[in-house]
């Protein structure tokens, strides 16, 4: 009985791993700080807030590499999250028009 109980807990923990280990796509031109922190690995709330502040001051990001202009965001973080970094939203359309 104890083995079944332990096994059940192990299966439940393993079922949660994909949700914890994989981030989802996020539009860095429209997401709020909380969403950025949740979806970008290696980006906590303070760095996410810095991304939002940089975007508000300087306009939309045109390339993922532009995130390196934000204090605390390096190329390693960008490369680690490249597949999940999306550039879109109204802000990107304005940036393209400029």
PDB file of N, CA and C in Angstrom:
ATOM      1  N   UNK A   1       0.823  -1.194   0.000  1.00  0.00           N
ATOM      2  CA  UNK A   1       0.000   0.000   0.000  1.00  0.00           C
ATOM      3  C   UNK A   1       0.868   1.260   0.000  1.00  0.00           C
ATOM      4  N   UNK A   2       1.939   1.234   0.775  1.00  0.00           N
ATOM      5  CA  UNK A   2       2.834   2.388   0.838  1.00  0.00           C
ATOM      6  C   UNK A   2       3.501   2.622  -0.528  1.00  0.00           C
ATOM      7  N   UNK A   3       3.817   1.558  -1.243  1.00  0.00           N
ATOM      8  CA  UNK A   3       4.436   1.670  -2.563  1.00  0.00           C
ATOM      9  C   UNK A   3       3.466   2.361  -3.535  1.00  0.00           C
ATOM     10  N   UNK A   4       2.197   1.993  -3.481  1.00  0.00           N
ATOM     11  CA  UNK A   4       1.202   2.619  -4.360  1.00  0.00           C
ATOM     12  C   UNK A   4       1.058   4.109  -4.058  1.00  0.00           C
ATOM     13  N   UNK A   5       1.088   4.443  -2.796  1.00  0.00           N
ATOM     14  CA  UNK A   5       0.983   5.847  -2.379  1.00  0.00           C
ATOM     15  C   UNK A   5       2.186   6.644  -2.901  1.00  0.00           C
ATOM     16  N   UNK A   6       3.368   6.097  -2.761  1.00  0.00           N
ATOM     17  CA  UNK A   6       4.581   6.744  -3.252  1.00  0.00           C
ATOM     18  C   UNK A   6       4.566   6.854  -4.763  1.00  0.00           C
ATOM     19  N   UNK A   7       4.146   5.800  -5.423  1.00  0.00           N
ATOM     20  CA  UNK A   7       4.068   5.795  -6.878  1.00  0.00           C
ATOM     21  C   UNK A   7       3.070   6.843  -7.381  1.00  0.00           C
ATOM     22  N   UNK A   8       1.949   6.966  -6.713  1.00  0.00           N
ATOM     23  CA  UNK A   8       0.935   7.950  -7.096  1.00  0.00           C
ATOM     24  C   UNK A   8       1.502   9.364  -6.999  1.00  0.00           C
ATOM     25  N   UNK A   9       2.248   9.649  -5.937  1.00  0.00           N
ATOM     26  CA  UNK A   9       2.860  10.972  -5.783  1.00  0.00           C
ATOM     27  C   UNK A   9       3.917  11.225  -6.857  1.00  0.00           C
ATOM     28  N   UNK A  10       4.672  10.209  -7.188  1.00  0.00           N
ATOM     29  CA  UNK A  10       5.698  10.353  -8.221  1.00  0.00           C
ATOM     30  C   UNK A  10       5.062  10.643  -9.573  1.00  0.00           C
ATOM     31  N   UNK A  11       3.987   9.953  -9.890  1.00  0.00           N
ATOM     32  CA  UNK A  11       3.299  10.173 -11.167  1.00  0.00           C
ATOM     33  C   UNK A  11       2.715  11.582 -11.209  1.00  0.00           C
ATOM     34  N   UNK A  12       2.138  12.044 -10.123  1.00  0.00           N
ATOM     35  CA  UNK A  12       1.579  13.389 -10.075  1.00  0.00           C
ATOM     36  C   UNK A  12       2.679  14.433 -10.259  1.00  0.00           C
ATOM     37  N   UNK A  13       3.813  14.240  -9.633  1.00  0.00           N
ATOM     38  CA  UNK A  13       4.933  15.174  -9.767  1.00  0.00           C
ATOM     39  C   UNK A  13       5.453  15.198 -11.197  1.00  0.00           C
ATOM     40  N   UNK A  14       5.577  14.049 -11.809  1.00  0.00           N
ATOM     41  CA  UNK A  14       6.042  13.981 -13.192  1.00  0.00           C
ATOM     42  C   UNK A  14       5.053  14.639 -14.150  1.00  0.00           C
ATOM     43  N   UNK A  15       3.785  14.545 -13.851  1.00  0.00           N
ATOM     44  CA  UNK A  15       2.770  15.164 -14.705  1.00  0.00           C
ATOM     45  C   UNK A  15       2.885  16.684 -14.683  1.00  0.00           C
ATOM     46  N   UNK A  16       3.363  17.243 -13.601  1.00  0.00           N
ATOM     47  CA  UNK A  16       3.509  18.698 -13.490  1.00  0.00           C
ATOM     48  C   UNK A  16       4.794  19.215 -14.121  1.00  0.00           C
ATOM     49  N   UNK A  17       5.791  18.374 -14.318  1.00  0.00           N
ATOM     50  CA  UNK A  17       7.079  18.826 -14.837  1.00  0.00           C
ATOM     51  C   UNK A  17       6.999  19.555 -16.172  1.00  0.00           C
ATOM     52  N   UNK A  18       6.271  19.066 -17.165  1.00  0.00           N
ATOM     53  CA  UNK A  18       6.233  19.805 -18.429  1.00  0.00           C
ATOM     54  C   UNK A  18       5.733  21.234 -18.259  1.00  0.00           C
ATOM     55  N   UNK A  19       4.765  21.439 -17.404  1.00  0.00           N
ATOM     56  CA  UNK A  19       4.239  22.781 -17.192  1.00  0.00           C
ATOM     57  C   UNK A  19       5.274  23.674 -16.524  1.00  0.00           C
ATOM     58  N   UNK A  20       6.107  23.112 -15.693  1.00  0.00           N
ATOM     59  CA  UNK A  20       7.117  23.893 -14.997  1.00  0.00           C
ATOM     60  C   UNK A  20       8.376  24.086 -15.829  1.00  0.00           C
ATOM     61  N   UNK A  21       8.688  23.137 -16.684  1.00  0.00           N
ATOM     62  CA  UNK A  21       9.955  23.157 -17.397  1.00  0.00           C
ATOM     63  C   UNK A  21       9.913  23.920 -18.711  1.00  0.00           C
ATOM     64  N   UNK A  22       8.755  24.022 -19.325  1.00  0.00           N
ATOM     65  CA  UNK A  22       8.677  24.632 -20.643  1.00  0.00           C
ATOM     66  C   UNK A  22       7.875  25.916 -20.584  1.00  0.00           C
ATOM     67  N   UNK A  23       8.466  26.958 -21.126  1.00  0.00           N
ATOM     68  CA  UNK A  23       7.766  28.225 -21.210  1.00  0.00           C
ATOM     69  C   UNK A  23       6.984  28.263 -22.512  1.00  0.00           C
ATOM     70  N   UNK A  24       6.036  29.144 -22.553  1.00  0.00           N
ATOM     71  CA  UNK A  24       5.245  29.278 -23.768  1.00  0.00           C
ATOM     72  C   UNK A  24       5.641  30.510 -24.548  1.00  0.00           C
ATOM     73  N   UNK A  25       5.157  30.645 -25.756  1.00  0.00           N
ATOM     74  CA  UNK A  25       5.471  31.823 -26.552  1.00  0.00           C
ATOM     75  C   UNK A  25       4.937  33.088 -25.891  1.00  0.00           C
ATOM     76  N   UNK A  26       5.690  34.157 -26.007  1.00  0.00           N
ATOM     77  CA  UNK A  26       5.275  35.426 -25.413  1.00  0.00           C
ATOM     78  C   UNK A  26       5.673  36.571 -26.335  1.00  0.00           C
ATOM     79  N   UNK A  27       4.746  37.484 -26.535  1.00  0.00           N
ATOM     80  CA  UNK A  27       4.992  38.671 -27.352  1.00  0.00           C
ATOM     81  C   UNK A  27       5.669  39.709 -26.463  1.00  0.00           C
ATOM     82  N   UNK A  28       6.940  39.947 -26.719  1.00  0.00           N
ATOM     83  CA  UNK A  28       7.697  40.871 -25.868  1.00  0.00           C
ATOM     84  C   UNK A  28       7.307  42.325 -26.093  1.00  0.00           C
ATOM     85  N   UNK A  29       6.492  42.590 -27.103  1.00  0.00           N
ATOM     86  CA  UNK A  29       6.034  43.953 -27.358  1.00  0.00           C
ATOM     87  C   UNK A  29       4.688  44.269 -26.737  1.00  0.00           C
ATOM     88  N   UNK A  30       4.025  43.279 -26.179  1.00  0.00           N
ATOM     89  CA  UNK A  30       2.720  43.562 -25.586  1.00  0.00           C
ATOM     90  C   UNK A  30       2.508  42.912 -24.218  1.00  0.00           C
ATOM     91  N   UNK A  31       3.314  41.936 -23.861  1.00  0.00           N
ATOM     92  CA  UNK A  31       3.115  41.223 -22.593  1.00  0.00           C
ATOM     93  C   UNK A  31       3.459  42.110 -21.399  1.00  0.00           C
ATOM     94  N   UNK A  32       2.725  41.915 -20.323  1.00  0.00           N
ATOM     95  CA  UNK A  32       3.050  42.637 -19.095  1.00  0.00           C
ATOM     96  C   UNK A  32       4.195  41.924 -18.374  1.00  0.00           C
ATOM     97  N   UNK A  33       4.715  42.565 -17.337  1.00  0.00           N
ATOM     98  CA  UNK A  33       5.886  42.039 -16.631  1.00  0.00           C
ATOM     99  C   UNK A  33       5.626  40.662 -16.035  1.00  0.00           C
ATOM    100  N   UNK A  34       4.460  40.462 -15.485  1.00  0.00           N
ATOM    101  CA  UNK A  34       4.140  39.174 -14.862  1.00  0.00           C
ATOM    102  C   UNK A  34       4.171  38.043 -15.892  1.00  0.00           C
ATOM    103  N   UNK A  35       3.625  38.310 -17.069  1.00  0.00           N
ATOM    104  CA  UNK A  35       3.605  37.311 -18.144  1.00  0.00           C
ATOM    105  C   UNK A  35       5.018  37.038 -18.648  1.00  0.00           C
ATOM    106  N   UNK A  36       5.801  38.086 -18.831  1.00  0.00           N
ATOM    107  CA  UNK A  36       7.184  37.906 -19.279  1.00  0.00           C
ATOM    108  C   UNK A  36       7.958  37.045 -18.285  1.00  0.00           C
ATOM    109  N   UNK A  37       7.812  37.334 -17.000  1.00  0.00           N
ATOM    110  CA  UNK A  37       8.527  36.568 -15.974  1.00  0.00           C
ATOM    111  C   UNK A  37       8.095  35.110 -15.970  1.00  0.00           C
ATOM    112  N   UNK A  38       6.827  34.874 -16.220  1.00  0.00           N
ATOM    113  CA  UNK A  38       6.301  33.506 -16.214  1.00  0.00           C
ATOM    114  C   UNK A  38       6.784  32.713 -17.430  1.00  0.00           C
ATOM    115  N   UNK A  39       6.834  33.351 -18.587  1.00  0.00           N
ATOM    116  CA  UNK A  39       7.077  32.639 -19.831  1.00  0.00           C
ATOM    117  C   UNK A  39       8.532  32.609 -20.289  1.00  0.00           C
ATOM    118  N   UNK A  40       9.360  33.515 -19.818  1.00  0.00           N
ATOM    119  CA  UNK A  40      10.758  33.539 -20.244  1.00  0.00           C
ATOM    120  C   UNK A  40      11.642  32.967 -19.140  1.00  0.00           C
ATOM    121  N   UNK A  41      12.335  31.903 -19.442  1.00  0.00           N
ATOM    122  CA  UNK A  41      13.204  31.268 -18.462  1.00  0.00           C
ATOM    123  C   UNK A  41      14.414  32.163 -18.195  1.00  0.00           C
ATOM    124  N   UNK A  42      14.765  32.297 -16.942  1.00  0.00           N
ATOM    125  CA  UNK A  42      15.894  33.129 -16.551  1.00  0.00           C
ATOM    126  C   UNK A  42      15.527  34.596 -16.390  1.00  0.00           C
ATOM    127  N   UNK A  43      14.235  34.896 -16.517  1.00  0.00           N
ATOM    128  CA  UNK A  43      13.745  36.268 -16.363  1.00  0.00           C
ATOM    129  C   UNK A  43      12.764  36.286 -15.204  1.00  0.00           C
ATOM    130  N   UNK A  44      13.178  36.939 -14.129  1.00  0.00           N
ATOM    131  CA  UNK A  44      12.297  37.091 -12.980  1.00  0.00           C
ATOM    132  C   UNK A  44      11.481  38.360 -13.117  1.00  0.00           C
ATOM    133  N   UNK A  45      10.732  38.682 -12.088  1.00  0.00           N
ATOM    134  CA  UNK A  45       9.842  39.836 -12.145  1.00  0.00           C
ATOM    135  C   UNK A  45      10.605  41.147 -12.306  1.00  0.00           C
ATOM    136  N   UNK A  46      11.756  41.289 -11.652  1.00  0.00           N
ATOM    137  CA  UNK A  46      12.526  42.533 -11.775  1.00  0.00           C
ATOM    138  C   UNK A  46      13.034  42.733 -13.203  1.00  0.00           C
ATOM    139  N   UNK A  47      13.576  41.700 -13.812  1.00  0.00           N
ATOM    140  CA  UNK A  47      14.044  41.809 -15.199  1.00  0.00           C
ATOM    141  C   UNK A  47      12.877  42.020 -16.151  1.00  0.00           C
ATOM    142  N   UNK A  48      11.778  41.355 -15.885  1.00  0.00           N
ATOM    143  CA  UNK A  48      10.595  41.518 -16.732  1.00  0.00           C
ATOM    144  C   UNK A  48      10.090  42.956 -16.663  1.00  0.00           C
ATOM    145  N   UNK A  49      10.108  43.532 -15.475  1.00  0.00           N
ATOM    146  CA  UNK A  49       9.687  44.929 -15.333  1.00  0.00           C
ATOM    147  C   UNK A  49      10.650  45.845 -16.079  1.00  0.00           C
ATOM    148  N   UNK A  50      11.938  45.513 -16.072  1.00  0.00           N
ATOM    149  CA  UNK A  50      12.924  46.296 -16.825  1.00  0.00           C
ATOM    150  C   UNK A  50      12.646  46.215 -18.330  1.00  0.00           C
ATOM    151  N   UNK A  51      12.208  45.056 -18.806  1.00  0.00           N
ATOM    152  CA  UNK A  51      11.847  44.898 -20.225  1.00  0.00           C
ATOM    153  C   UNK A  51      10.680  45.814 -20.563  1.00  0.00           C
ATOM    154  N   UNK A  52       9.651  45.809 -19.730  1.00  0.00           N
ATOM    155  CA  UNK A  52       8.471  46.643 -19.966  1.00  0.00           C
ATOM    156  C   UNK A  52       8.854  48.120 -19.943  1.00  0.00           C
ATOM    157  N   UNK A  53       9.650  48.533 -18.959  1.00  0.00           N
ATOM    158  CA  UNK A  53      10.061  49.934 -18.858  1.00  0.00           C
ATOM    159  C   UNK A  53      10.891  50.354 -20.064  1.00  0.00           C
ATOM    160  N   UNK A  54      11.803  49.488 -20.510  1.00  0.00           N
ATOM    161  CA  UNK A  54      12.613  49.787 -21.683  1.00  0.00           C
ATOM    162  C   UNK A  54      11.712  49.950 -22.912  1.00  0.00           C
ATOM    163  N   UNK A  55      10.769  49.052 -23.066  1.00  0.00           N
ATOM    164  CA  UNK A  55       9.847  49.089 -24.205  1.00  0.00           C
ATOM    165  C   UNK A  55       9.004  50.356 -24.194  1.00  0.00           C
ATOM    166  N   UNK A  56       8.532  50.760 -23.010  1.00  0.00           N
ATOM    167  CA  UNK A  56       7.720  51.972 -22.902  1.00  0.00           C
ATOM    168  C   UNK A  56       8.539  53.220 -23.223  1.00  0.00           C
ATOM    169  N   UNK A  57       9.797  53.222 -22.848  1.00  0.00           N
ATOM    170  CA  UNK A  57      10.670  54.387 -23.071  1.00  0.00           C
ATOM    171  C   UNK A  57      11.196  54.441 -24.504  1.00  0.00           C
ATOM    172  N   UNK A  58      11.530  53.279 -25.098  1.00  0.00           N
ATOM    173  CA  UNK A  58      12.229  53.231 -26.382  1.00  0.00           C
ATOM    174  C   UNK A  58      11.409  52.697 -27.548  1.00  0.00           C
ATOM    175  N   UNK A  59      10.213  52.243 -27.289  1.00  0.00           N
ATOM    176  CA  UNK A  59       9.382  51.694 -28.361  1.00  0.00           C
ATOM    177  C   UNK A  59       9.541  50.190 -28.477  1.00  0.00           C
ATOM    178  N   UNK A  60       8.863  49.651 -29.454  1.00  0.00           N
ATOM    179  CA  UNK A  60       8.797  48.203 -29.646  1.00  0.00           C
ATOM    180  C   UNK A  60      10.155  47.612 -29.997  1.00  0.00           C
ATOM    181  N   UNK A  61      10.333  46.371 -29.587  1.00  0.00           N
ATOM    182  CA  UNK A  61      11.515  45.609 -29.972  1.00  0.00           C
ATOM    183  C   UNK A  61      11.318  45.162 -31.417  1.00  0.00           C
ATOM    184  N   UNK A  62      12.333  45.324 -32.224  1.00  0.00           N
ATOM    185  CA  UNK A  62      12.236  44.922 -33.632  1.00  0.00           C
ATOM    186  C   UNK A  62      12.817  43.532 -33.860  1.00  0.00           C
ATOM    187  N   UNK A  63      13.750  43.133 -32.986  1.00  0.00           N
ATOM    188  CA  UNK A  63      14.386  41.810 -33.072  1.00  0.00           C
ATOM    189  C   UNK A  63      14.540  41.278 -31.652  1.00  0.00           C
ATOM    190  N   UNK A  64      14.609  39.979 -31.529  1.00  0.00           N
ATOM    191  CA  UNK A  64      14.814  39.378 -30.203  1.00  0.00           C
ATOM    192  C   UNK A  64      16.109  39.888 -29.580  1.00  0.00           C
ATOM    193  N   UNK A  65      17.131  40.080 -30.411  1.00  0.00           N
ATOM    194  CA  UNK A  65      18.435  40.533 -29.913  1.00  0.00           C
ATOM    195  C   UNK A  65      18.366  41.912 -29.256  1.00  0.00           C
ATOM    196  N   UNK A  66      17.346  42.694 -29.573  1.00  0.00           N
ATOM    197  CA  UNK A  66      17.191  44.014 -28.959  1.00  0.00           C
ATOM    198  C   UNK A  66      16.987  43.923 -27.451  1.00  0.00           C
ATOM    199  N   UNK A  67      16.552  42.768 -26.977  1.00  0.00           N
ATOM    200  CA  UNK A  67      16.385  42.578 -25.531  1.00  0.00           C
ATOM    201  C   UNK A  67      17.706  42.747 -24.785  1.00  0.00           C
ATOM    202  N   UNK A  68      18.822  42.541 -25.476  1.00  0.00           N
ATOM    203  CA  UNK A  68      20.136  42.677 -24.840  1.00  0.00           C
ATOM    204  C   UNK A  68      20.404  44.123 -24.416  1.00  0.00           C
ATOM    205  N   UNK A  69      19.618  45.063 -24.924  1.00  0.00           N
ATOM    206  CA  UNK A  69      19.757  46.468 -24.517  1.00  0.00           C
ATOM    207  C   UNK A  69      19.189  46.708 -23.116  1.00  0.00           C
ATOM    208  N   UNK A  70      18.413  45.759 -22.627  1.00  0.00           N
ATOM    209  CA  UNK A  70      17.799  45.871 -21.301  1.00  0.00           C
ATOM    210  C   UNK A  70      18.800  45.379 -20.260  1.00  0.00           C
ATOM    211  N   UNK A  71      19.030  46.198 -19.247  1.00  0.00           N
ATOM    212  CA  UNK A  71      19.968  45.821 -18.190  1.00  0.00           C
ATOM    213  C   UNK A  71      19.536  44.497 -17.561  1.00  0.00           C
ATOM    214  N   UNK A  72      20.483  43.558 -17.493  1.00  0.00           N
ATOM    215  CA  UNK A  72      20.214  42.267 -16.870  1.00  0.00           C
ATOM    216  C   UNK A  72      19.808  41.183 -17.852  1.00  0.00           C
ATOM    217  N   UNK A  73      19.614  41.549 -19.118  1.00  0.00           N
ATOM    218  CA  UNK A  73      19.244  40.561 -20.135  1.00  0.00           C
ATOM    219  C   UNK A  73      20.435  40.391 -21.070  1.00  0.00           C
ATOM    220  N   UNK A  74      20.992  39.214 -21.086  1.00  0.00           N
ATOM    221  CA  UNK A  74      22.136  38.934 -21.946  1.00  0.00           C
ATOM    222  C   UNK A  74      21.762  37.999 -23.076  1.00  0.00           C
ATOM    223  N   UNK A  75      22.714  37.803 -23.957  1.00  0.00           N
ATOM    224  CA  UNK A  75      22.470  36.938 -25.115  1.00  0.00           C
ATOM    225  C   UNK A  75      22.172  35.499 -24.694  1.00  0.00           C
ATOM    226  N   UNK A  76      22.721  35.065 -23.579  1.00  0.00           N
ATOM    227  CA  UNK A  76      22.448  33.708 -23.112  1.00  0.00           C
ATOM    228  C   UNK A  76      20.957  33.527 -22.812  1.00  0.00           C
ATOM    229  N   UNK A  77      20.357  34.508 -22.169  1.00  0.00           N
ATOM    230  CA  UNK A  77      18.919  34.454 -21.871  1.00  0.00           C
ATOM    231  C   UNK A  77      18.122  34.500 -23.171  1.00  0.00           C
ATOM    232  N   UNK A  78      18.542  35.350 -24.088  1.00  0.00           N
ATOM    233  CA  UNK A  78      17.839  35.467 -25.366  1.00  0.00           C
ATOM    234  C   UNK A  78      17.907  34.147 -26.126  1.00  0.00           C
ATOM    235  N   UNK A  79      19.084  33.578 -26.229  1.00  0.00           N
ATOM    236  CA  UNK A  79      19.237  32.315 -26.961  1.00  0.00           C
ATOM    237  C   UNK A  79      18.437  31.194 -26.309  1.00  0.00           C
ATOM    238  N   UNK A  80      18.432  31.171 -24.992  1.00  0.00           N
ATOM    239  CA  UNK A  80      17.702  30.128 -24.271  1.00  0.00           C
ATOM    240  C   UNK A  80      16.195  30.220 -24.529  1.00  0.00           C
ATOM    241  N   UNK A  81      15.700  31.435 -24.791  1.00  0.00           N
ATOM    242  CA  UNK A  81      14.264  31.657 -24.969  1.00  0.00           C
ATOM    243  C   UNK A  81      13.863  31.962 -26.406  1.00  0.00           C
ATOM    244  N   UNK A  82      14.800  31.912 -27.319  1.00  0.00           N
ATOM    245  CA  UNK A  82      14.555  32.381 -28.696  1.00  0.00           C
ATOM    246  C   UNK A  82      13.264  31.828 -29.303  1.00  0.00           C
ATOM    247  N   UNK A  83      12.998  30.560 -29.144  1.00  0.00           N
ATOM    248  CA  UNK A  83      11.807  29.962 -29.756  1.00  0.00           C
ATOM    249  C   UNK A  83      10.509  30.492 -29.166  1.00  0.00           C
ATOM    250  N   UNK A  84      10.567  31.023 -27.962  1.00  0.00           N
ATOM    251  CA  UNK A  84       9.362  31.524 -27.303  1.00  0.00           C
ATOM    252  C   UNK A  84       9.204  33.034 -27.403  1.00  0.00           C
ATOM    253  N   UNK A  85      10.192  33.727 -27.928  1.00  0.00           N
ATOM    254  CA  UNK A  85      10.115  35.181 -28.059  1.00  0.00           C
ATOM    255  C   UNK A  85       9.388  35.516 -29.354  1.00  0.00           C
ATOM    256  N   UNK A  86       8.282  36.209 -29.216  1.00  0.00           N
ATOM    257  CA  UNK A  86       7.490  36.635 -30.364  1.00  0.00           C
ATOM    258  C   UNK A  86       7.517  38.157 -30.447  1.00  0.00           C
ATOM    259  N   UNK A  87       7.499  38.658 -31.668  1.00  0.00           N
ATOM    260  CA  UNK A  87       7.463  40.098 -31.915  1.00  0.00           C
ATOM    261  C   UNK A  87       6.179  40.401 -32.656  1.00  0.00           C
ATOM    262  N   UNK A  88       5.274  41.033 -31.996  1.00  0.00           N
ATOM    263  CA  UNK A  88       3.996  41.314 -32.632  1.00  0.00           C
ATOM    264  C   UNK A  88       3.269  42.402 -31.891  1.00  0.00           C
ATOM    265  N   UNK A  89       2.001  42.403 -32.050  1.00  0.00           N
ATOM    266  CA  UNK A  89       1.173  43.387 -31.388  1.00  0.00           C
ATOM    267  C   UNK A  89       1.201  44.723 -32.094  1.00  0.00           C
ATOM    268  N   UNK A  90       0.424  45.647 -31.600  1.00  0.00           N
ATOM    269  CA  UNK A  90       0.318  46.982 -32.181  1.00  0.00           C
ATOM    270  C   UNK A  90       1.649  47.715 -32.122  1.00  0.00           C
ATOM    271  N   UNK A  91       2.412  47.480 -31.063  1.00  0.00           N
ATOM    272  CA  UNK A  91       3.693  48.174 -30.906  1.00  0.00           C
ATOM    273  C   UNK A  91       4.655  47.822 -32.023  1.00  0.00           C
ATOM    274  N   UNK A  92       4.693  46.567 -32.429  1.00  0.00           N
ATOM    275  CA  UNK A  92       5.593  46.141 -33.502  1.00  0.00           C
ATOM    276  C   UNK A  92       5.154  46.744 -34.825  1.00  0.00           C
ATOM    277  N   UNK A  93       3.870  46.858 -35.049  1.00  0.00           N
ATOM    278  CA  UNK A  93       3.373  47.461 -36.278  1.00  0.00           C
ATOM    279  C   UNK A  93       3.777  48.925 -36.347  1.00  0.00           C
ATOM    280  N   UNK A  94       3.717  49.641 -35.235  1.00  0.00           N
ATOM    281  CA  UNK A  94       4.166  51.036 -35.200  1.00  0.00           C
ATOM    282  C   UNK A  94       5.653  51.131 -35.448  1.00  0.00           C
ATOM    283  N   UNK A  95       6.422  50.217 -34.881  1.00  0.00           N
ATOM    284  CA  UNK A  95       7.880  50.230 -35.061  1.00  0.00           C
ATOM    285  C   UNK A  95       8.244  50.012 -36.520  1.00  0.00           C
ATOM    286  N   UNK A  96       7.534  49.140 -37.189  1.00  0.00           N
ATOM    287  CA  UNK A  96       7.784  48.870 -38.596  1.00  0.00           C
ATOM    288  C   UNK A  96       7.455  50.088 -39.448  1.00  0.00           C
ATOM    289  N   UNK A  97       6.414  50.801 -39.075  1.00  0.00           N
ATOM    290  CA  UNK A  97       6.001  51.984 -39.822  1.00  0.00           C
ATOM    291  C   UNK A  97       7.016  53.122 -39.669  1.00  0.00           C
ATOM    292  N   UNK A  98       7.697  53.164 -38.524  1.00  0.00           N
ATOM    293  CA  UNK A  98       8.680  54.241 -38.266  1.00  0.00           C
ATOM    294  C   UNK A  98       9.882  54.106 -39.066  1.00  0.00           C
TER     295      UNK A  98
END
